[in-house]
Every structure is written in C-alpha cells, then in structure tokens.
Amino acid sequence: MKLFYPLLLAIQFLTQIPVRLKQTYGEREVGASLLYYPLVGLLLGALLAGLHAMLHGVPVLLHAALLLAAWVVMTGALHLDGLADSVDAWLGGIGNRERTLAIMKDPYAGPAAVVAVMLVLLLKFAALVSLVQCGNGWALLWPPLLARTAMPLLFLTTPYVRPGGLGAALAQHAPRRTVTVILLVTLLGVLAVLEMRGVGLVLGCLAVFWLLRRMMMARLGGTTGDTAGALLELLETVALILWVLMDTRACS
C-alpha cells in the first residue's frame, strides 16, 4: 500500500477527491508526491472534459458556470486562497519581506484579495464560455496539467522560505532527478500532442512562470505555499486564455 502513497498524497494535497490515508507517512513520501502532480492535473482535466461531454445541450452560459463551479469544488478553492493571501500580502507588504510574510498568515481577506479572486474566476468563466461555444472540451485537459507541472518546477528551482510544513518537505525531500525527468517528459508530451498550439501554451506558461518566480525571489527570496497556489491559479487562467486566443475555429 505504501508504494502508492506518493500518488495518493498528491491527490489528497491537490484535490477534494475523497482520498484519506489512515496510515502514517513520512517526509520522503511527501517529497515523492511531486512526481505525480502532472498526473493529478491530467486527472482533473479529464474529469472536467468528461463533465463537459455530460453537459452537452445545456445552455452555454450555464454550461460554463457549471464547469467553473466543478473546477473550484474539485480543488476545494485551495489555490484561490493562496492567490488571495498573496495579493493581500504583496500590496500590504509595501516591499518589505517580513511584513509580506506576516500578512500571508492573516486569515482575513482584504478588498484586493477579493477583487483578484473575482477577476481570475471571471477570466476563467469567459474562456470557458468560448470553449463551450467551440465544442473544444478536450482543451480542458491542458490548463490543469500545465499548472500542476509548474508546481514541481517551482519547488525544484526556488527556495522555500518558511521552515517546517508541507512545502518545506516537498522542497527538501523531492527526488530531484526523477522529478526533472517527469517534467521534461510531460512538456515534451504536450508538445507532441498539440504541436504548434502546444508550443504557444508551453512558452506562454513558462514566460508567466519566470515572471512570477522573479517577483517571488525579489520580494521573499523564495516561495511559500500561498505563492505556489497563486502561481498555479494564474497559470491555469493564462493557459485557458492562450488556448482561446490561438483557437482559429469558427464559432457561432
């Protein structure tokens, strides 16, 4: 059973799929869970694509709203919470590292956090409307996959600034060489399947990843769980938008 712990941990950490491990697990298993983050992203994308097919014939706006609601429910709004905390901290921290980290721990959300979450959900909803109109349900596979592929990349390349906790275990105990291979295989697979559209998606996501990581390093000297969640949410949104912008199919 413990052989499958890293996969089950990845599902438990990233989704609301009812996986609850009863046996104990150590930091090594936590680190190894990074290997399966892309697979969990693909699983989420497949569930969304399946729901899209089940909703065939439902009015477009309701169809898109149900997809977005399912997306949020399946992930428990975990990463939206990270986005909200990061936006509050970035604006309230006024360039100060300690103040920024302190605000991230504050459980209350300020106006900027609420606006940021609303904007991200609005952008996702608008993109989903376009996808539904075009009948491009398979496009739902890629944003969750690419965003959760970026998470291991972040932990491999960026110091984790808070001692202890899940993020520290991920950063310290990840099997770095194997994770690197998994990331390369995943990105090459996306390029092979999507061809030129895959090039646009991967390059666009990498550019946003580089920009956000640079901001983290400049302000914090590394990442936290909240900023990692914010990165994931923003990359999902960017990937959705890029797909719609690259989609040349005629949609009525």
C-alpha atoms as a PDB file:
ATOM      1  CA  MET A   1       0.000   0.000   0.000  1.00  0.00           C
ATOM      2  CA  LYS A   2       2.792   2.432   0.851  1.00  0.00           C
ATOM      3  CA  LEU A   3       4.085   2.007  -2.685  1.00  0.00           C
ATOM      4  CA  PHE A   4       1.131   4.140  -3.833  1.00  0.00           C
ATOM      5  CA  TYR A   5       1.374   6.684  -1.037  1.00  0.00           C
ATOM      6  CA  PRO A   6       3.045   9.430  -3.096  1.00  0.00           C
ATOM      7  CA  LEU A   7       0.278   9.292  -5.720  1.00  0.00           C
ATOM      8  CA  LEU A   8      -2.462   9.217  -3.093  1.00  0.00           C
ATOM      9  CA  LEU A   9      -0.774  12.072  -1.237  1.00  0.00           C
ATOM     10  CA  ALA A  10      -0.657  14.155  -4.414  1.00  0.00           C
ATOM     11  CA  ILE A  11      -4.380  13.563  -4.948  1.00  0.00           C
ATOM     12  CA  GLN A  12      -5.102  14.409  -1.316  1.00  0.00           C
ATOM     13  CA  PHE A  13      -2.979  17.559  -1.352  1.00  0.00           C
ATOM     14  CA  LEU A  14      -4.270  18.965  -4.644  1.00  0.00           C
ATOM     15  CA  THR A  15      -7.924  17.925  -4.840  1.00  0.00           C
ATOM     16  CA  GLN A  16     -11.075  17.211  -2.890  1.00  0.00           C
ATOM     17  CA  ILE A  17     -11.272  13.694  -4.320  1.00  0.00           C
ATOM     18  CA  PRO A  18     -12.036  11.581  -1.221  1.00  0.00           C
ATOM     19  CA  VAL A  19      -8.620  10.067  -0.570  1.00  0.00           C
ATOM     20  CA  ARG A  20      -7.845   9.953   3.139  1.00  0.00           C
ATOM     21  CA  LEU A  21      -4.804   7.982   4.183  1.00  0.00           C
ATOM     22  CA  LYS A  22      -5.190   6.203   7.507  1.00  0.00           C
ATOM     23  CA  GLN A  23      -1.599   5.057   7.849  1.00  0.00           C
ATOM     24  CA  THR A  24       1.247   7.374   8.692  1.00  0.00           C
ATOM     25  CA  TYR A  25       3.561   8.728   6.052  1.00  0.00           C
ATOM     26  CA  GLY A  26       6.898  10.475   6.251  1.00  0.00           C
ATOM     27  CA  GLU A  27       8.612  13.402   4.618  1.00  0.00           C
ATOM     28  CA  ARG A  28      10.122  11.143   1.964  1.00  0.00           C
ATOM     29  CA  GLU A  29       6.650  10.155   0.747  1.00  0.00           C
ATOM     30  CA  VAL A  30       5.603  13.812   0.800  1.00  0.00           C
ATOM     31  CA  GLY A  31       8.576  14.754  -1.367  1.00  0.00           C
ATOM     32  CA  ALA A  32       7.919  11.877  -3.760  1.00  0.00           C
ATOM     33  CA  SER A  33       4.332  13.090  -4.245  1.00  0.00           C
ATOM     34  CA  LEU A  34       5.730  15.827  -6.521  1.00  0.00           C
ATOM     35  CA  LEU A  35       6.301  13.118  -9.125  1.00  0.00           C
ATOM     36  CA  TYR A  36       2.548  12.793  -9.559  1.00  0.00           C
ATOM     37  CA  TYR A  37       1.471  16.436  -9.680  1.00  0.00           C
ATOM     38  CA  PRO A  38       1.249  16.447 -13.508  1.00  0.00           C
ATOM     39  CA  LEU A  39      -0.780  13.222 -13.402  1.00  0.00           C
ATOM     40  CA  VAL A  40      -3.208  14.760 -10.898  1.00  0.00           C
ATOM     41  CA  GLY A  41      -3.531  17.768 -13.191  1.00  0.00           C
ATOM     42  CA  LEU A  42      -4.343  15.468 -16.097  1.00  0.00           C
ATOM     43  CA  LEU A  43      -6.910  13.667 -13.930  1.00  0.00           C
ATOM     44  CA  LEU A  44      -8.627  16.947 -13.076  1.00  0.00           C
ATOM     45  CA  GLY A  45      -8.614  17.957 -16.731  1.00  0.00           C
ATOM     46  CA  ALA A  46     -10.104  14.610 -17.731  1.00  0.00           C
ATOM     47  CA  LEU A  47     -12.883  14.975 -15.143  1.00  0.00           C
ATOM     48  CA  LEU A  48     -13.676  18.458 -16.473  1.00  0.00           C
ATOM     49  CA  ALA A  49     -13.672  17.203 -20.060  1.00  0.00           C
ATOM     50  CA  GLY A  50     -15.981  14.370 -19.045  1.00  0.00           C
ATOM     51  CA  LEU A  51     -18.350  16.796 -17.328  1.00  0.00           C
ATOM     52  CA  HIS A  52     -18.280  18.974 -20.441  1.00  0.00           C
ATOM     53  CA  ALA A  53     -19.438  15.999 -22.512  1.00  0.00           C
ATOM     54  CA  MET A  54     -22.193  15.190 -19.996  1.00  0.00           C
ATOM     55  CA  LEU A  55     -23.471  18.775 -20.180  1.00  0.00           C
ATOM     56  CA  HIS A  56     -23.948  18.638 -23.939  1.00  0.00           C
ATOM     57  CA  GLY A  57     -27.072  20.564 -24.852  1.00  0.00           C
ATOM     58  CA  VAL A  58     -27.106  22.712 -21.700  1.00  0.00           C
ATOM     59  CA  PRO A  59     -27.238  26.470 -22.481  1.00  0.00           C
ATOM     60  CA  VAL A  60     -23.747  27.893 -22.978  1.00  0.00           C
ATOM     61  CA  LEU A  61     -23.583  30.256 -20.006  1.00  0.00           C
ATOM     62  CA  LEU A  62     -24.967  27.675 -17.586  1.00  0.00           C
ATOM     63  CA  HIS A  63     -22.670  25.035 -19.084  1.00  0.00           C
ATOM     64  CA  ALA A  64     -19.607  27.224 -18.499  1.00  0.00           C
ATOM     65  CA  ALA A  65     -20.765  28.178 -14.990  1.00  0.00           C
ATOM     66  CA  LEU A  66     -21.220  24.524 -14.017  1.00  0.00           C
ATOM     67  CA  LEU A  67     -17.754  23.673 -15.345  1.00  0.00           C
ATOM     68  CA  LEU A  68     -16.218  26.501 -13.335  1.00  0.00           C
ATOM     69  CA  ALA A  69     -18.139  25.516 -10.196  1.00  0.00           C
ATOM     70  CA  ALA A  70     -16.976  21.905 -10.560  1.00  0.00           C
ATOM     71  CA  TRP A  71     -13.403  23.113 -11.075  1.00  0.00           C
ATOM     72  CA  VAL A  72     -13.499  25.089  -7.838  1.00  0.00           C
ATOM     73  CA  VAL A  73     -15.219  22.309  -5.885  1.00  0.00           C
ATOM     74  CA  MET A  74     -12.789  19.620  -7.060  1.00  0.00           C
ATOM     75  CA  THR A  75      -9.835  21.671  -5.833  1.00  0.00           C
ATOM     76  CA  GLY A  76     -11.523  22.987  -2.702  1.00  0.00           C
ATOM     77  CA  ALA A  77     -10.599  26.579  -3.674  1.00  0.00           C
ATOM     78  CA  LEU A  78      -7.234  25.824  -2.054  1.00  0.00           C
ATOM     79  CA  HIS A  79      -5.166  27.678  -4.603  1.00  0.00           C
ATOM     80  CA  LEU A  80      -7.647  30.545  -4.841  1.00  0.00           C
ATOM     81  CA  ASP A  81      -6.994  31.023  -1.132  1.00  0.00           C
ATOM     82  CA  GLY A  82      -3.264  31.168  -1.880  1.00  0.00           C
ATOM     83  CA  LEU A  83      -3.912  33.749  -4.591  1.00  0.00           C
ATOM     84  CA  ALA A  84      -5.978  35.888  -2.205  1.00  0.00           C
ATOM     85  CA  ASP A  85      -3.342  35.733   0.544  1.00  0.00           C
ATOM     86  CA  SER A  86      -0.539  36.529  -1.903  1.00  0.00           C
ATOM     87  CA  VAL A  87      -2.283  39.555  -3.389  1.00  0.00           C
ATOM     88  CA  ASP A  88      -3.079  40.947   0.061  1.00  0.00           C
ATOM     89  CA  ALA A  89       0.499  40.390   1.186  1.00  0.00           C
ATOM     90  CA  TRP A  90       2.066  41.847  -1.949  1.00  0.00           C
ATOM     91  CA  LEU A  91       0.085  45.066  -1.750  1.00  0.00           C
ATOM     92  CA  GLY A  92       0.112  45.389   2.029  1.00  0.00           C
ATOM     93  CA  GLY A  93       3.750  44.373   2.419  1.00  0.00           C
ATOM     94  CA  ILE A  94       4.957  47.571   0.724  1.00  0.00           C
ATOM     95  CA  GLY A  95       8.117  45.858  -0.483  1.00  0.00           C
ATOM     96  CA  ASN A  96       9.078  44.540   2.943  1.00  0.00           C
ATOM     97  CA  ARG A  97       9.802  40.800   3.188  1.00  0.00           C
ATOM     98  CA  GLU A  98       8.859  40.265   6.840  1.00  0.00           C
ATOM     99  CA  ARG A  99       5.675  42.296   6.546  1.00  0.00           C
ATOM    100  CA  THR A 100       4.695  40.406   3.386  1.00  0.00           C
ATOM    101  CA  LEU A 101       5.179  37.034   5.085  1.00  0.00           C
ATOM    102  CA  ALA A 102       3.255  38.183   8.148  1.00  0.00           C
ATOM    103  CA  ILE A 103       0.256  39.334   6.085  1.00  0.00           C
ATOM    104  CA  MET A 104       0.143  35.973   4.295  1.00  0.00           C
ATOM    105  CA  LYS A 105      -0.566  34.326   7.650  1.00  0.00           C
ATOM    106  CA  ASP A 106      -3.521  36.625   8.308  1.00  0.00           C
ATOM    107  CA  PRO A 107      -6.712  34.577   7.720  1.00  0.00           C
ATOM    108  CA  TYR A 108      -8.744  37.622   6.695  1.00  0.00           C
ATOM    109  CA  ALA A 109      -9.076  38.688   3.049  1.00  0.00           C
ATOM    110  CA  GLY A 110      -8.859  42.352   2.113  1.00  0.00           C
ATOM    111  CA  PRO A 111     -10.577  44.105  -0.812  1.00  0.00           C
ATOM    112  CA  ALA A 112      -7.612  43.480  -3.141  1.00  0.00           C
ATOM    113  CA  ALA A 113      -7.763  39.745  -2.461  1.00  0.00           C
ATOM    114  CA  VAL A 114     -11.494  39.613  -3.207  1.00  0.00           C
ATOM    115  CA  VAL A 115     -11.040  41.568  -6.434  1.00  0.00           C
ATOM    116  CA  ALA A 116      -8.163  39.332  -7.549  1.00  0.00           C
ATOM    117  CA  VAL A 117     -10.164  36.140  -6.987  1.00  0.00           C
ATOM    118  CA  MET A 118     -13.191  37.619  -8.766  1.00  0.00           C
ATOM    119  CA  LEU A 119     -11.069  38.664 -11.753  1.00  0.00           C
ATOM    120  CA  VAL A 120      -9.473  35.231 -12.075  1.00  0.00           C
ATOM    121  CA  LEU A 121     -12.853  33.490 -11.885  1.00  0.00           C
ATOM    122  CA  LEU A 122     -14.318  35.968 -14.385  1.00  0.00           C
ATOM    123  CA  LEU A 123     -11.491  35.354 -16.836  1.00  0.00           C
ATOM    124  CA  LYS A 124     -11.844  31.589 -16.445  1.00  0.00           C
ATOM    125  CA  PHE A 125     -15.602  31.811 -16.948  1.00  0.00           C
ATOM    126  CA  ALA A 126     -15.240  33.927 -20.108  1.00  0.00           C
ATOM    127  CA  ALA A 127     -12.665  31.499 -21.505  1.00  0.00           C
ATOM    128  CA  LEU A 128     -14.892  28.524 -20.666  1.00  0.00           C
ATOM    129  CA  VAL A 129     -17.803  30.156 -22.493  1.00  0.00           C
ATOM    130  CA  SER A 130     -15.617  30.365 -25.597  1.00  0.00           C
ATOM    131  CA  LEU A 131     -14.527  26.750 -25.243  1.00  0.00           C
ATOM    132  CA  VAL A 132     -18.115  25.570 -24.855  1.00  0.00           C
ATOM    133  CA  GLN A 133     -19.222  27.567 -27.886  1.00  0.00           C
ATOM    134  CA  CYS A 134     -16.451  25.991 -29.950  1.00  0.00           C
ATOM    135  CA  GLY A 135     -17.103  22.498 -28.601  1.00  0.00           C
ATOM    136  CA  ASN A 136     -13.463  22.252 -27.502  1.00  0.00           C
ATOM    137  CA  GLY A 137     -13.913  20.093 -24.422  1.00  0.00           C
ATOM    138  CA  TRP A 138     -10.543  18.402 -24.825  1.00  0.00           C
ATOM    139  CA  ALA A 139      -8.907  21.806 -24.294  1.00  0.00           C
ATOM    140  CA  LEU A 140      -9.837  21.383 -20.620  1.00  0.00           C
ATOM    141  CA  LEU A 141      -7.106  18.755 -20.248  1.00  0.00           C
ATOM    142  CA  TRP A 142      -4.214  21.182 -20.599  1.00  0.00           C
ATOM    143  CA  PRO A 143      -4.563  24.084 -18.112  1.00  0.00           C
ATOM    144  CA  PRO A 144      -4.751  21.822 -15.005  1.00  0.00           C
ATOM    145  CA  LEU A 145      -1.902  19.698 -16.367  1.00  0.00           C
ATOM    146  CA  LEU A 146       0.438  22.598 -17.181  1.00  0.00           C
ATOM    147  CA  ALA A 147      -0.285  24.445 -13.941  1.00  0.00           C
ATOM    148  CA  ARG A 148       0.438  21.381 -11.816  1.00  0.00           C
ATOM    149  CA  THR A 149       3.540  20.639 -13.843  1.00  0.00           C
ATOM    150  CA  ALA A 150       4.783  24.094 -12.863  1.00  0.00           C
ATOM    151  CA  MET A 151       4.463  23.332  -9.147  1.00  0.00           C
ATOM    152  CA  PRO A 152       7.306  20.771  -9.025  1.00  0.00           C
ATOM    153  CA  LEU A 153       9.376  23.084 -11.223  1.00  0.00           C
ATOM    154  CA  LEU A 154       8.861  25.867  -8.693  1.00  0.00           C
ATOM    155  CA  PHE A 155       9.877  23.697  -5.739  1.00  0.00           C
ATOM    156  CA  LEU A 156      12.937  22.382  -7.595  1.00  0.00           C
ATOM    157  CA  THR A 157      14.228  25.822  -8.601  1.00  0.00           C
ATOM    158  CA  THR A 158      13.116  28.106  -5.780  1.00  0.00           C
ATOM    159  CA  PRO A 159      13.995  28.122  -2.062  1.00  0.00           C
ATOM    160  CA  TYR A 160      11.116  27.527   0.343  1.00  0.00           C
ATOM    161  CA  VAL A 161      11.222  30.373   2.850  1.00  0.00           C
ATOM    162  CA  ARG A 162       9.066  29.046   5.689  1.00  0.00           C
ATOM    163  CA  PRO A 163      10.641  26.359   7.904  1.00  0.00           C
ATOM    164  CA  GLY A 164       8.593  23.238   8.508  1.00  0.00           C
ATOM    165  CA  GLY A 165       5.283  22.335   6.979  1.00  0.00           C
ATOM    166  CA  LEU A 166       4.246  20.631   3.762  1.00  0.00           C
ATOM    167  CA  GLY A 167       6.041  22.996   1.408  1.00  0.00           C
ATOM    168  CA  ALA A 168       9.353  22.543   3.177  1.00  0.00           C
ATOM    169  CA  ALA A 169       9.019  18.754   2.964  1.00  0.00           C
ATOM    170  CA  LEU A 170       8.205  18.974  -0.737  1.00  0.00           C
ATOM    171  CA  ALA A 171      11.222  21.171  -1.421  1.00  0.00           C
ATOM    172  CA  GLN A 172      13.697  19.220   0.720  1.00  0.00           C
ATOM    173  CA  HIS A 173      12.720  15.618   0.038  1.00  0.00           C
ATOM    174  CA  ALA A 174      11.698  15.635  -3.619  1.00  0.00           C
ATOM    175  CA  PRO A 175      13.611  13.087  -5.750  1.00  0.00           C
ATOM    176  CA  ARG A 176      15.035  15.878  -7.870  1.00  0.00           C
ATOM    177  CA  ARG A 177      16.426  13.874 -10.770  1.00  0.00           C
ATOM    178  CA  THR A 178      13.293  11.796 -11.224  1.00  0.00           C
ATOM    179  CA  VAL A 179      11.031  14.844 -10.906  1.00  0.00           C
ATOM    180  CA  THR A 180      13.103  16.613 -13.557  1.00  0.00           C
ATOM    181  CA  VAL A 181      12.661  13.678 -15.930  1.00  0.00           C
ATOM    182  CA  ILE A 182       8.899  13.622 -15.296  1.00  0.00           C
ATOM    183  CA  LEU A 183       8.651  17.352 -16.034  1.00  0.00           C
ATOM    184  CA  LEU A 184      10.583  17.037 -19.278  1.00  0.00           C
ATOM    185  CA  VAL A 185       8.519  14.046 -20.410  1.00  0.00           C
ATOM    186  CA  THR A 186       5.296  15.892 -19.582  1.00  0.00           C
ATOM    187  CA  LEU A 187       6.244  19.024 -21.505  1.00  0.00           C
ATOM    188  CA  LEU A 188       7.513  17.018 -24.475  1.00  0.00           C
ATOM    189  CA  GLY A 189       4.269  15.045 -24.434  1.00  0.00           C
ATOM    190  CA  VAL A 190       2.223  18.249 -24.558  1.00  0.00           C
ATOM    191  CA  LEU A 191       4.331  19.498 -27.467  1.00  0.00           C
ATOM    192  CA  ALA A 192       4.000  16.192 -29.308  1.00  0.00           C
ATOM    193  CA  VAL A 193       0.213  16.039 -28.918  1.00  0.00           C
ATOM    194  CA  LEU A 194      -0.621  19.700 -29.515  1.00  0.00           C
ATOM    195  CA  GLU A 195       2.190  20.588 -31.920  1.00  0.00           C
ATOM    196  CA  MET A 196       2.307  24.358 -32.624  1.00  0.00           C
ATOM    197  CA  ARG A 197      -0.515  25.100 -30.220  1.00  0.00           C
ATOM    198  CA  GLY A 198       1.458  23.242 -27.576  1.00  0.00           C
ATOM    199  CA  VAL A 199       4.464  25.429 -28.296  1.00  0.00           C
ATOM    200  CA  GLY A 200       2.347  28.517 -27.667  1.00  0.00           C
ATOM    201  CA  LEU A 201       0.909  27.123 -24.449  1.00  0.00           C
ATOM    202  CA  VAL A 202       4.230  25.940 -23.054  1.00  0.00           C
ATOM    203  CA  LEU A 203       6.135  29.103 -23.955  1.00  0.00           C
ATOM    204  CA  GLY A 204       3.357  31.330 -22.612  1.00  0.00           C
ATOM    205  CA  CYS A 205       3.177  29.437 -19.332  1.00  0.00           C
ATOM    206  CA  LEU A 206       6.956  29.395 -18.978  1.00  0.00           C
ATOM    207  CA  ALA A 207       7.074  33.158 -19.516  1.00  0.00           C
ATOM    208  CA  VAL A 208       4.473  33.753 -16.799  1.00  0.00           C
ATOM    209  CA  PHE A 209       6.240  31.262 -14.533  1.00  0.00           C
ATOM    210  CA  TRP A 210       9.536  33.133 -14.999  1.00  0.00           C
ATOM    211  CA  LEU A 211       7.895  36.487 -14.248  1.00  0.00           C
ATOM    212  CA  LEU A 212       6.096  35.299 -11.110  1.00  0.00           C
ATOM    213  CA  ARG A 213       9.144  33.441  -9.818  1.00  0.00           C
ATOM    214  CA  ARG A 214      11.234  36.568 -10.352  1.00  0.00           C
ATOM    215  CA  MET A 215       8.736  38.559  -8.289  1.00  0.00           C
ATOM    216  CA  MET A 216       8.874  35.953  -5.503  1.00  0.00           C
ATOM    217  CA  MET A 217      12.656  35.982  -5.435  1.00  0.00           C
ATOM    218  CA  ALA A 218      12.810  39.783  -5.422  1.00  0.00           C
ATOM    219  CA  ARG A 219      10.342  40.171  -2.544  1.00  0.00           C
ATOM    220  CA  LEU A 220      10.762  36.988  -0.473  1.00  0.00           C
ATOM    221  CA  GLY A 221      13.933  35.320  -1.653  1.00  0.00           C
ATOM    222  CA  GLY A 222      11.878  32.217  -2.441  1.00  0.00           C
ATOM    223  CA  THR A 223       8.378  30.811  -2.387  1.00  0.00           C
ATOM    224  CA  THR A 224       5.696  29.863   0.127  1.00  0.00           C
ATOM    225  CA  GLY A 225       2.642  27.634  -0.102  1.00  0.00           C
ATOM    226  CA  ASP A 226       0.487  30.681  -0.790  1.00  0.00           C
ATOM    227  CA  THR A 227       2.624  31.984  -3.630  1.00  0.00           C
ATOM    228  CA  ALA A 228       2.795  28.484  -5.114  1.00  0.00           C
ATOM    229  CA  GLY A 229      -1.026  28.364  -5.051  1.00  0.00           C
ATOM    230  CA  ALA A 230      -1.215  31.798  -6.661  1.00  0.00           C
ATOM    231  CA  LEU A 231       1.179  30.642  -9.373  1.00  0.00           C
ATOM    232  CA  LEU A 232      -1.000  27.625 -10.099  1.00  0.00           C
ATOM    233  CA  GLU A 233      -4.201  29.651 -10.375  1.00  0.00           C
ATOM    234  CA  LEU A 234      -2.638  32.267 -12.630  1.00  0.00           C
ATOM    235  CA  LEU A 235      -1.080  29.653 -14.903  1.00  0.00           C
ATOM    236  CA  GLU A 236      -4.409  27.850 -15.280  1.00  0.00           C
ATOM    237  CA  THR A 237      -6.009  31.147 -16.258  1.00  0.00           C
ATOM    238  CA  VAL A 238      -3.235  32.054 -18.683  1.00  0.00           C
ATOM    239  CA  ALA A 239      -3.346  28.621 -20.330  1.00  0.00           C
ATOM    240  CA  LEU A 240      -7.116  28.892 -20.811  1.00  0.00           C
ATOM    241  CA  ILE A 241      -6.838  32.360 -22.303  1.00  0.00           C
ATOM    242  CA  LEU A 242      -3.971  31.375 -24.592  1.00  0.00           C
ATOM    243  CA  TRP A 243      -5.952  28.406 -25.890  1.00  0.00           C
ATOM    244  CA  VAL A 244      -8.923  30.626 -26.733  1.00  0.00           C
ATOM    245  CA  LEU A 245      -6.691  33.232 -28.409  1.00  0.00           C
ATOM    246  CA  MET A 246      -4.995  30.563 -30.520  1.00  0.00           C
ATOM    247  CA  ASP A 247      -8.260  28.850 -31.428  1.00  0.00           C
ATOM    248  CA  THR A 248      -8.991  29.649 -35.052  1.00  0.00           C
ATOM    249  CA  ARG A 249     -12.150  27.551 -35.347  1.00  0.00           C
ATOM    250  CA  ALA A 250     -15.284  29.411 -36.394  1.00  0.00           C
ATOM    251  CA  CYS A 251     -17.707  29.560 -33.504  1.00  0.00           C
ATOM    252  CA  SER A 252     -21.307  30.535 -33.953  1.00  0.00           C
END
